[in-house]
């Protein structure tokens, strides 16, 4: 159950919806937000372990993160999944999450993600209140679809926006569809959905979500999952407004 204070905030959000004619739309990030942990990294290790197609090694991905940053690394790793089928990717997600046992990749142990308890409750509450709920992730679109199928039925499949490989006969190509929701691309998704309006609720954990937060109405809610202190600080120093910010535990 949500506490009384947060229910009161949602009641005020409903009032904002009517007062300012702001659509009842809420936007959530995936990794380290509605998930405690990173499904994207687990999928990379799973693809390598299961001998699926990936034009990049784990170490090459880590090096790319360090030298080029998240914006480049996130895009390149998804491009590198070309040649796999949508079915293979989704089946891998299902297989990896069928239990909670840590994943062993050549002696490197990776904890599996789980659902953020508070945000799972919030998703159900927003569904009851007839919000349109969107998932906007810098991870693979097809991985996000599989996660929603497994754990988050509150999010309609049509409202998922991930980094999406173009397909030929259901096989992933290296070319990506637009918009590409990495960094500024998340703002492009909100522009596409909101058509000149602003969001009522945005939820994320890192500077990658900054464009979502900055497209939130001044009376809306910005929920920051306090995953890493440096990432939270980077968000705060770049926000257009510090009004109506709430911090969510990463658990």
Protein backbone atom coordinates (compact mmCIF):
# COMPACT_ATOMS: atom_id res chain seq x y z
CA UNK A 1 0.00 0.00 0.00
CA UNK A 2 1.09 3.57 -0.68
CA UNK A 3 1.27 5.75 2.40
CA UNK A 4 -1.29 8.46 3.08
CA UNK A 5 1.08 11.25 2.10
CA UNK A 6 1.73 9.81 -1.33
CA UNK A 7 -1.96 9.10 -1.92
CA UNK A 8 -2.58 12.77 -1.13
CA UNK A 9 0.04 13.74 -3.72
CA UNK A 10 -1.73 11.62 -6.31
CA UNK A 11 -5.02 13.32 -5.46
CA UNK A 12 -3.37 16.69 -6.11
CA UNK A 13 -2.00 15.34 -9.39
CA UNK A 14 -5.56 14.47 -10.41
CA UNK A 15 -6.53 18.07 -9.65
CA UNK A 16 -3.62 19.31 -11.78
CA UNK A 17 -4.87 17.14 -14.65
CA UNK A 18 -8.25 18.86 -14.59
CA UNK A 19 -7.05 22.37 -13.75
CA UNK A 20 -4.36 22.62 -16.44
CA UNK A 21 -5.79 20.15 -18.97
CA UNK A 22 -2.67 17.99 -18.68
CA UNK A 23 -3.15 14.41 -19.91
CA UNK A 24 -2.94 11.65 -17.31
CA UNK A 25 0.30 10.17 -18.59
CA UNK A 26 3.15 8.75 -16.53
CA UNK A 27 6.59 7.82 -17.88
CA UNK A 28 8.88 5.25 -16.27
CA UNK A 29 12.47 4.19 -16.92
CA UNK A 30 13.33 0.47 -16.76
CA UNK A 31 16.82 -0.43 -15.47
CA UNK A 32 17.43 0.57 -11.84
CA UNK A 33 13.99 2.16 -11.77
CA UNK A 34 11.04 -0.22 -11.99
CA UNK A 35 13.76 -2.86 -11.93
CA UNK A 36 16.24 -3.12 -9.07
CA UNK A 37 19.24 -3.95 -11.20
CA UNK A 38 20.11 -3.90 -14.89
CA UNK A 39 18.45 -6.36 -17.24
CA UNK A 40 20.46 -5.00 -20.17
CA UNK A 41 23.78 -6.15 -18.75
CA UNK A 42 22.34 -9.54 -17.80
CA UNK A 43 21.10 -10.03 -21.37
CA UNK A 44 24.57 -9.28 -22.77
CA UNK A 45 26.07 -11.99 -20.55
CA UNK A 46 23.23 -14.37 -21.41
CA UNK A 47 23.69 -13.89 -25.14
CA UNK A 48 27.40 -14.61 -24.82
CA UNK A 49 26.86 -17.65 -22.59
CA UNK A 50 24.12 -19.12 -24.79
CA UNK A 51 26.15 -18.57 -27.96
CA UNK A 52 23.59 -16.26 -29.55
CA UNK A 53 24.82 -13.58 -31.94
CA UNK A 54 26.64 -10.55 -30.53
CA UNK A 55 29.25 -8.53 -32.39
CA UNK A 56 30.91 -7.36 -29.19
CA UNK A 57 32.50 -9.00 -26.16
CA UNK A 58 31.66 -8.16 -22.55
CA UNK A 59 35.03 -6.48 -22.11
CA UNK A 60 34.61 -4.49 -25.33
CA UNK A 61 31.26 -3.25 -24.01
CA UNK A 62 32.79 -2.22 -20.66
CA UNK A 63 35.65 -0.46 -22.47
CA UNK A 64 33.17 1.39 -24.66
CA UNK A 65 31.26 2.56 -21.60
CA UNK A 66 34.45 3.91 -20.09
CA UNK A 67 35.88 5.56 -23.21
CA UNK A 68 32.78 6.73 -25.11
CA UNK A 69 30.12 6.92 -22.40
CA UNK A 70 26.63 5.50 -22.03
CA UNK A 71 25.11 7.25 -25.05
CA UNK A 72 27.46 5.51 -27.49
CA UNK A 73 27.77 2.20 -25.61
CA UNK A 74 24.01 1.66 -25.22
CA UNK A 75 23.44 2.21 -28.90
CA UNK A 76 26.35 0.08 -30.09
CA UNK A 77 25.52 -2.92 -27.93
CA UNK A 78 21.97 -3.04 -29.28
CA UNK A 79 23.18 -2.67 -32.85
CA UNK A 80 25.54 -5.59 -32.10
CA UNK A 81 22.58 -7.91 -31.40
CA UNK A 82 21.73 -8.08 -35.10
CA UNK A 83 21.13 -11.55 -36.49
CA UNK A 84 19.09 -12.81 -33.52
CA UNK A 85 15.35 -13.33 -33.76
CA UNK A 86 12.85 -11.50 -31.58
CA UNK A 87 11.79 -14.90 -30.25
CA UNK A 88 15.37 -15.81 -29.21
CA UNK A 89 15.79 -12.51 -27.32
CA UNK A 90 12.46 -12.80 -25.52
CA UNK A 91 12.98 -16.47 -24.68
CA UNK A 92 16.38 -15.61 -23.22
CA UNK A 93 14.77 -13.02 -20.94
CA UNK A 94 12.22 -15.58 -19.77
CA UNK A 95 14.88 -18.23 -19.16
CA UNK A 96 17.18 -15.89 -17.25
CA UNK A 97 14.40 -14.68 -14.94
CA UNK A 98 12.76 -18.03 -14.21
CA UNK A 99 14.65 -18.04 -10.90
CA UNK A 100 16.51 -15.56 -8.68
CA UNK A 101 19.82 -17.38 -8.63
CA UNK A 102 22.80 -15.13 -9.44
CA UNK A 103 24.05 -15.61 -13.00
CA UNK A 104 27.51 -17.08 -13.48
CA UNK A 105 29.39 -15.85 -16.55
CA UNK A 106 32.78 -17.54 -16.60
CA UNK A 107 33.20 -16.95 -12.88
CA UNK A 108 31.80 -13.40 -12.98
CA UNK A 109 28.67 -13.39 -10.83
CA UNK A 110 25.84 -11.07 -11.87
CA UNK A 111 22.84 -10.54 -9.61
CA UNK A 112 19.52 -10.75 -11.41
CA UNK A 113 17.17 -7.77 -11.38
CA UNK A 114 13.95 -7.80 -9.41
CA UNK A 115 10.90 -5.56 -9.24
CA UNK A 116 11.06 -2.30 -7.30
CA UNK A 117 8.37 -2.94 -4.69
CA UNK A 118 7.25 0.66 -4.25
CA UNK A 119 7.06 1.37 -7.97
CA UNK A 120 5.18 -1.86 -8.62
CA UNK A 121 2.53 -0.67 -6.15
CA UNK A 122 2.55 2.77 -7.77
CA UNK A 123 2.01 1.25 -11.23
CA UNK A 124 -1.04 -0.61 -9.97
CA UNK A 125 -2.39 2.54 -8.32
CA UNK A 126 -1.92 4.58 -11.50
CA UNK A 127 -3.66 1.87 -13.50
CA UNK A 128 -6.62 2.05 -11.13
CA UNK A 129 -6.65 5.82 -11.61
CA UNK A 130 -6.78 5.40 -15.40
CA UNK A 131 -3.36 6.82 -16.16
CA UNK A 132 -1.72 6.02 -19.47
CA UNK A 133 1.56 4.42 -18.37
CA UNK A 134 4.63 4.45 -20.61
CA UNK A 135 7.97 2.70 -20.39
CA UNK A 136 10.86 4.64 -21.94
CA UNK A 137 14.17 2.82 -21.82
CA UNK A 138 17.64 3.18 -23.32
CA UNK A 139 17.76 -0.61 -23.38
CA UNK A 140 16.52 -3.05 -26.00
CA UNK A 141 12.89 -2.60 -27.01
CA UNK A 142 12.33 -6.35 -27.31
CA UNK A 143 13.87 -7.05 -23.91
CA UNK A 144 11.54 -4.40 -22.44
CA UNK A 145 8.55 -6.08 -24.09
CA UNK A 146 9.53 -9.39 -22.52
CA UNK A 147 9.97 -7.82 -19.06
CA UNK A 148 6.56 -6.17 -19.26
CA UNK A 149 5.01 -9.50 -20.28
CA UNK A 150 6.55 -11.19 -17.27
CA UNK A 151 6.23 -8.61 -14.51
CA UNK A 152 4.45 -5.38 -15.46
CA UNK A 153 1.04 -5.96 -17.08
CA UNK A 154 0.08 -2.44 -15.95
CA UNK A 155 2.07 -1.11 -18.93
CA UNK A 156 0.41 -1.65 -22.34
CA UNK A 157 2.75 -3.13 -24.94
CA UNK A 158 1.91 -0.26 -27.31
CA UNK A 159 3.30 2.16 -24.71
CA UNK A 160 6.80 0.65 -24.65
CA UNK A 161 9.58 2.72 -26.19
CA UNK A 162 13.00 1.08 -26.20
CA UNK A 163 15.96 1.13 -28.55
CA UNK A 164 14.48 -0.89 -31.40
CA UNK A 165 16.36 -2.75 -34.10
CA UNK A 166 14.70 -2.74 -37.49
CA UNK A 167 13.47 -6.20 -38.44
CA UNK A 168 13.52 -8.36 -41.54
CA UNK A 169 11.43 -11.53 -41.17
CA UNK A 170 11.52 -11.01 -37.38
CA UNK A 171 15.33 -10.98 -37.37
CA UNK A 172 17.11 -8.01 -35.79
CA UNK A 173 19.10 -5.73 -38.09
CA UNK A 174 21.88 -3.41 -36.91
CA UNK A 175 19.93 -0.36 -38.10
CA UNK A 176 17.73 1.24 -35.43
CA UNK A 177 14.26 2.75 -35.62
CA UNK A 178 13.63 6.32 -34.51
CA UNK A 179 13.10 7.81 -32.00
CA UNK A 180 16.07 6.31 -30.19
CA UNK A 181 15.35 6.81 -26.45
CA UNK A 182 18.88 7.42 -25.21
CA UNK A 183 19.59 10.72 -23.44
CA UNK A 184 17.94 13.45 -25.58
CA UNK A 185 16.02 10.70 -27.38
CA UNK A 186 13.90 10.17 -24.29
CA UNK A 187 12.70 13.73 -24.69
CA UNK A 188 11.86 12.96 -28.32
CA UNK A 189 9.62 10.12 -27.15
CA UNK A 190 7.78 12.40 -24.72
CA UNK A 191 7.34 15.02 -27.45
CA UNK A 192 5.88 12.36 -29.72
CA UNK A 193 3.45 11.10 -27.08
CA UNK A 194 2.48 14.40 -25.45
CA UNK A 195 2.12 16.52 -28.59
CA UNK A 196 3.02 19.82 -26.96
CA UNK A 197 1.73 18.99 -23.47
CA UNK A 198 3.83 18.12 -20.42
CA UNK A 199 4.03 14.93 -18.37
CA UNK A 200 2.25 14.60 -15.04
CA UNK A 201 4.61 11.95 -13.62
CA UNK A 202 8.14 10.97 -14.62
CA UNK A 203 10.27 8.32 -12.93
CA UNK A 204 13.96 7.55 -13.47
CA UNK A 205 17.32 7.05 -11.80
CA UNK A 206 20.04 8.68 -13.90
CA UNK A 207 21.03 11.65 -16.08
CA UNK A 208 19.83 9.54 -19.00
CA UNK A 209 16.31 10.40 -17.74
CA UNK A 210 16.94 14.13 -17.47
CA UNK A 211 14.94 15.03 -20.57
CA UNK A 212 11.93 13.20 -19.16
CA UNK A 213 12.20 15.06 -15.86
CA UNK A 214 12.56 18.40 -17.63
CA UNK A 215 9.37 17.78 -19.62
CA UNK A 216 7.31 17.36 -16.45
CA UNK A 217 4.64 19.94 -15.59
CA UNK A 218 5.62 22.29 -12.74
CA UNK A 219 2.80 20.81 -10.63
CA UNK A 220 3.64 17.24 -11.67
CA UNK A 221 5.78 14.68 -9.87
CA UNK A 222 9.42 13.87 -10.57
CA UNK A 223 10.34 10.62 -8.84
CA UNK A 224 14.07 9.95 -8.64
CA UNK A 225 15.15 6.44 -7.71
CA UNK A 226 18.18 7.06 -5.52
CA UNK A 227 20.30 4.35 -7.09
CA UNK A 228 23.72 6.02 -7.03
CA UNK A 229 24.51 9.28 -5.25
CA UNK A 230 26.60 10.68 -8.11
CA UNK A 231 23.81 10.02 -10.63
CA UNK A 232 21.19 11.58 -8.36
CA UNK A 233 23.40 14.65 -7.92
CA UNK A 234 23.90 14.95 -11.69
CA UNK A 235 20.14 14.92 -12.17
CA UNK A 236 19.53 17.56 -9.51
CA UNK A 237 22.13 20.01 -10.79
CA UNK A 238 20.68 19.86 -14.32
CA UNK A 239 16.96 20.01 -13.59
CA UNK A 240 15.05 23.07 -14.78
CA UNK A 241 13.01 23.00 -11.57
CA UNK A 242 13.53 21.40 -8.18
CA UNK A 243 9.81 21.54 -7.37
CA UNK A 244 7.85 18.37 -6.59
CA UNK A 245 10.81 15.99 -6.46
CA UNK A 246 10.50 12.78 -4.49
CA UNK A 247 13.23 10.23 -3.83
CA UNK A 248 12.43 6.54 -4.14
CA UNK A 249 14.47 3.78 -2.50
CA UNK A 250 16.34 1.42 -4.78
CA UNK A 251 15.03 -1.86 -3.35
